Amino acid sequence: MRAHRARFAVLMAVATLAVSAPARADTVTEWNLNTSNELFRVGVGQGAFAAPNLAMVQLAVFDAVNAIDRRYTPYLTAPPAKRWYSKDAAVAAAAHRVLIDGHLVATEAQQDALEVRVNDLYAAALATIEDGPAKRGGIATGEAAGWAMVAARTEDGRFGDPGFTLADPLRAGDWRPTLPMNVNDPGAWLKDVEPFMIRRASQFRSRGPFRLTSRRYAEEFNEVKQIGKSDSATRTGDQTTTARFWGGPTNAVATWSDLIRTLADARPLTTVDRARFYALVYLTGADTAIATWADKAHWMFWRPITAIREADTDRNPATEADADWLPLIPNPPYPDHSSGLAAFGASNVSTLQELFGTDRVAFRGVNSIGIVRNYTRLSQVIDEIVDARVWSGIHFRAADEQGAKLGREVARWRRDHHLLERPR
């Protein structure tokens, strides 16, 4: 009983901790930050299609460290390694190899820019590690894990054909490019990427949007029409701030990356446990993104801006057109259903709840334009995202709720299949 009370006290201390970033990150976190920053800098670190790239790096890092530590089942490989090999060298070598040879960018110019920066970062990282057999062994282990990931993900569908296939002719309910860019998603190839763990991208297909002529559709239509309008009189100041935290000029994937690094620092972790922390989050998130884009391609449902401006075509007497309606947040260039951010957010929250063993974790988030949000529970994040995308005017509520369900289902599937602790 005393041991149980002590363990509970530790959990509560973790759960109520106000998390802040460390003065100097550990090597695993440093390379997560390097990966996010450098992919963003060359233009492929934004949007859901960044998730597979991040998963590749984090899984290779995990396999490298785990080969030395031997605590968990590997994702791809367990190269021969001594327990005294340098884990810092293994982390840097694995991340470097995937970033340089993993085909994470679409053009030669992007590749050249990426290599210059990543090679410099790698040299700087190795310079901090004492020369000797431990360093050489760590590098060899990281290289082996990195090359295994490169081989496994070659020709996996990344950077394939752009754009979703539009209906011809377009009818009420069909998605089509919208204001302000009128662009057909250049990252639509995400729907065709080979999943990292689930059997197929359609494994967790959502139920789909409500019928245009239904009462439920009209209710959701009128909700987003009123509260999601650019100059809505009913949206509160806090709702507007929340919508802008998760959208607008910010990159929601980058916002999530910052939150994940913040939470990874919430309690002391060994190198292998920290590598597993990131690997589980991004493994789950990558397959969630792939499954969500496949779901979008299946339903191809119109965005609220199109639905509201063309409501005179939906044959629903409870909806009314507004030809000048605009959302608070500009529309991303892909179909409404299901919501990518809600799915990715629910995937992350479910994985984080599993890693912490509790929902009661207090932390703060700051996005790229300085908006701050404070949370006392992990679940508050996904609840907020579901609402925020409606308040933003870019999703019907069903797209958010079903997207969140999809993300949770992918996380549940992964929980029993990957990176499990070995029997002691």
Foldseek 3Di string as FASTA:
>chain_A
DVVVVVVVVVLVCLLQDAFDFDPDDDLLLVLLVVLLVLCVVLPLNFDLSNLVLSLLLLLLLLLLLCLLVVFWDHLFDNPHAHVLADSSLLSLLQNLLCQQQQCSDDDPVSNVSSNVVSVVVSVVSLVVDDDDDSNVRSNVSNNVSNVRSSVVQVPQQFQPQFFFDFDVVDAAFAAFFDPPPRDGGRRLSLLRGHASDDPHLQPQAFPADDQLQDPVVLVLLVLLLQLFFQPHPPDDPVLLLLLVQCAAPFRNSVQVSVVLSRSLRSDDDDSSLSSVSSNLLSSLLSSLLNSQSNNQSVSNGYWSLVCQQPVVRSPHPSHHHDVPTDGNGTEDNTHAAADSSLLSLLLNLLSSCVSSVHQQHWYKTATPVGRIDTDRGSVVVSVSVLSSCSSRSTHRSSNNVRSSVSNNVSNVVVVPPDGGTDDD
